[in-house]
Protein backbone atom coordinates (compact mmCIF):
# COMPACT_ATOMS: atom_id res chain seq x y z
CA MET A 1 -39.64 -58.52 -49.76
CA MET A 2 -37.23 -56.13 -51.38
CA GLN A 3 -34.69 -56.34 -54.16
CA ILE A 4 -30.99 -55.90 -53.47
CA TYR A 5 -27.92 -56.65 -55.49
CA LEU A 6 -25.86 -59.36 -53.79
CA ASN A 7 -22.43 -59.80 -55.35
CA GLY A 8 -23.79 -58.27 -58.55
CA GLU A 9 -26.91 -60.45 -58.80
CA LEU A 10 -30.45 -59.18 -58.25
CA THR A 11 -31.74 -60.95 -55.13
CA HIS A 12 -35.02 -60.83 -53.20
CA THR A 13 -34.77 -60.76 -49.43
CA ALA A 14 -36.99 -60.24 -46.41
CA CYS A 15 -33.97 -59.31 -44.27
CA SER A 16 -33.94 -55.83 -42.80
CA THR A 17 -30.31 -55.67 -41.61
CA LEU A 18 -26.95 -56.90 -42.84
CA LEU A 19 -26.70 -59.22 -39.83
CA GLU A 20 -29.96 -60.92 -40.82
CA LEU A 21 -28.64 -61.34 -44.36
CA ILE A 22 -25.39 -62.88 -43.07
CA GLU A 23 -27.38 -65.29 -40.89
CA GLU A 24 -29.68 -66.18 -43.81
CA LEU A 25 -26.62 -66.97 -45.94
CA ALA A 26 -25.21 -69.16 -43.10
CA LEU A 27 -22.02 -67.07 -42.90
CA ASP A 28 -22.27 -66.30 -39.18
CA GLY A 29 -19.00 -67.29 -37.51
CA LYS A 30 -17.09 -67.51 -40.80
CA ARG A 31 -14.44 -65.15 -42.10
CA PHE A 32 -15.86 -62.57 -44.48
CA ALA A 33 -15.99 -58.87 -45.28
CA VAL A 34 -19.14 -56.94 -46.19
CA GLU A 35 -19.44 -53.89 -48.38
CA LYS A 36 -22.67 -51.88 -48.74
CA ASN A 37 -22.81 -49.41 -51.62
CA GLU A 38 -18.99 -49.42 -51.86
CA ILE A 39 -18.47 -48.79 -48.12
CA ILE A 40 -16.91 -51.51 -45.97
CA ILE A 41 -19.11 -52.27 -42.95
CA PRO A 42 -17.34 -53.47 -39.77
CA LYS A 43 -18.76 -56.68 -38.30
CA SER A 44 -19.61 -54.75 -35.13
CA LYS A 45 -22.04 -52.60 -37.18
CA LEU A 46 -23.86 -55.37 -39.11
CA ALA A 47 -26.86 -55.49 -36.73
CA GLN A 48 -27.38 -51.70 -36.93
CA THR A 49 -26.91 -51.45 -40.70
CA THR A 50 -30.28 -51.56 -42.42
CA LEU A 51 -30.91 -52.82 -45.91
CA CYS A 52 -32.79 -50.69 -48.41
CA ALA A 53 -34.21 -51.56 -51.81
CA GLU A 54 -31.59 -51.57 -54.57
CA ASP A 55 -28.64 -51.66 -52.12
CA GLN A 56 -25.46 -53.08 -53.61
CA ILE A 57 -24.05 -55.65 -51.18
CA GLU A 58 -20.74 -57.40 -51.76
CA ILE A 59 -19.65 -60.23 -49.48
CA ILE A 60 -16.09 -61.43 -49.75
CA HIS A 61 -15.24 -64.79 -48.16
CA ALA A 62 -11.80 -65.29 -46.66
CA VAL A 63 -10.32 -68.62 -47.75
CA GLY A 64 -7.62 -70.21 -45.66
CA GLY A 65 -4.76 -72.14 -47.10
CA GLY A 66 -1.16 -72.94 -46.72
């Protein structure tokens, strides 16, 4: 387990990559953007992007409407 900051809140996770975190949060297949330490991470790079202790992760959900 390590501590990361997820949307500003201290969170404990066993995930080792951003893709694992997205799957754990049940966001797979939904519209969202991910930022790690103030850098936007393309969805194609989520599986290769590792999480480290104290990382600052921001996940922005896209909300549809009309």
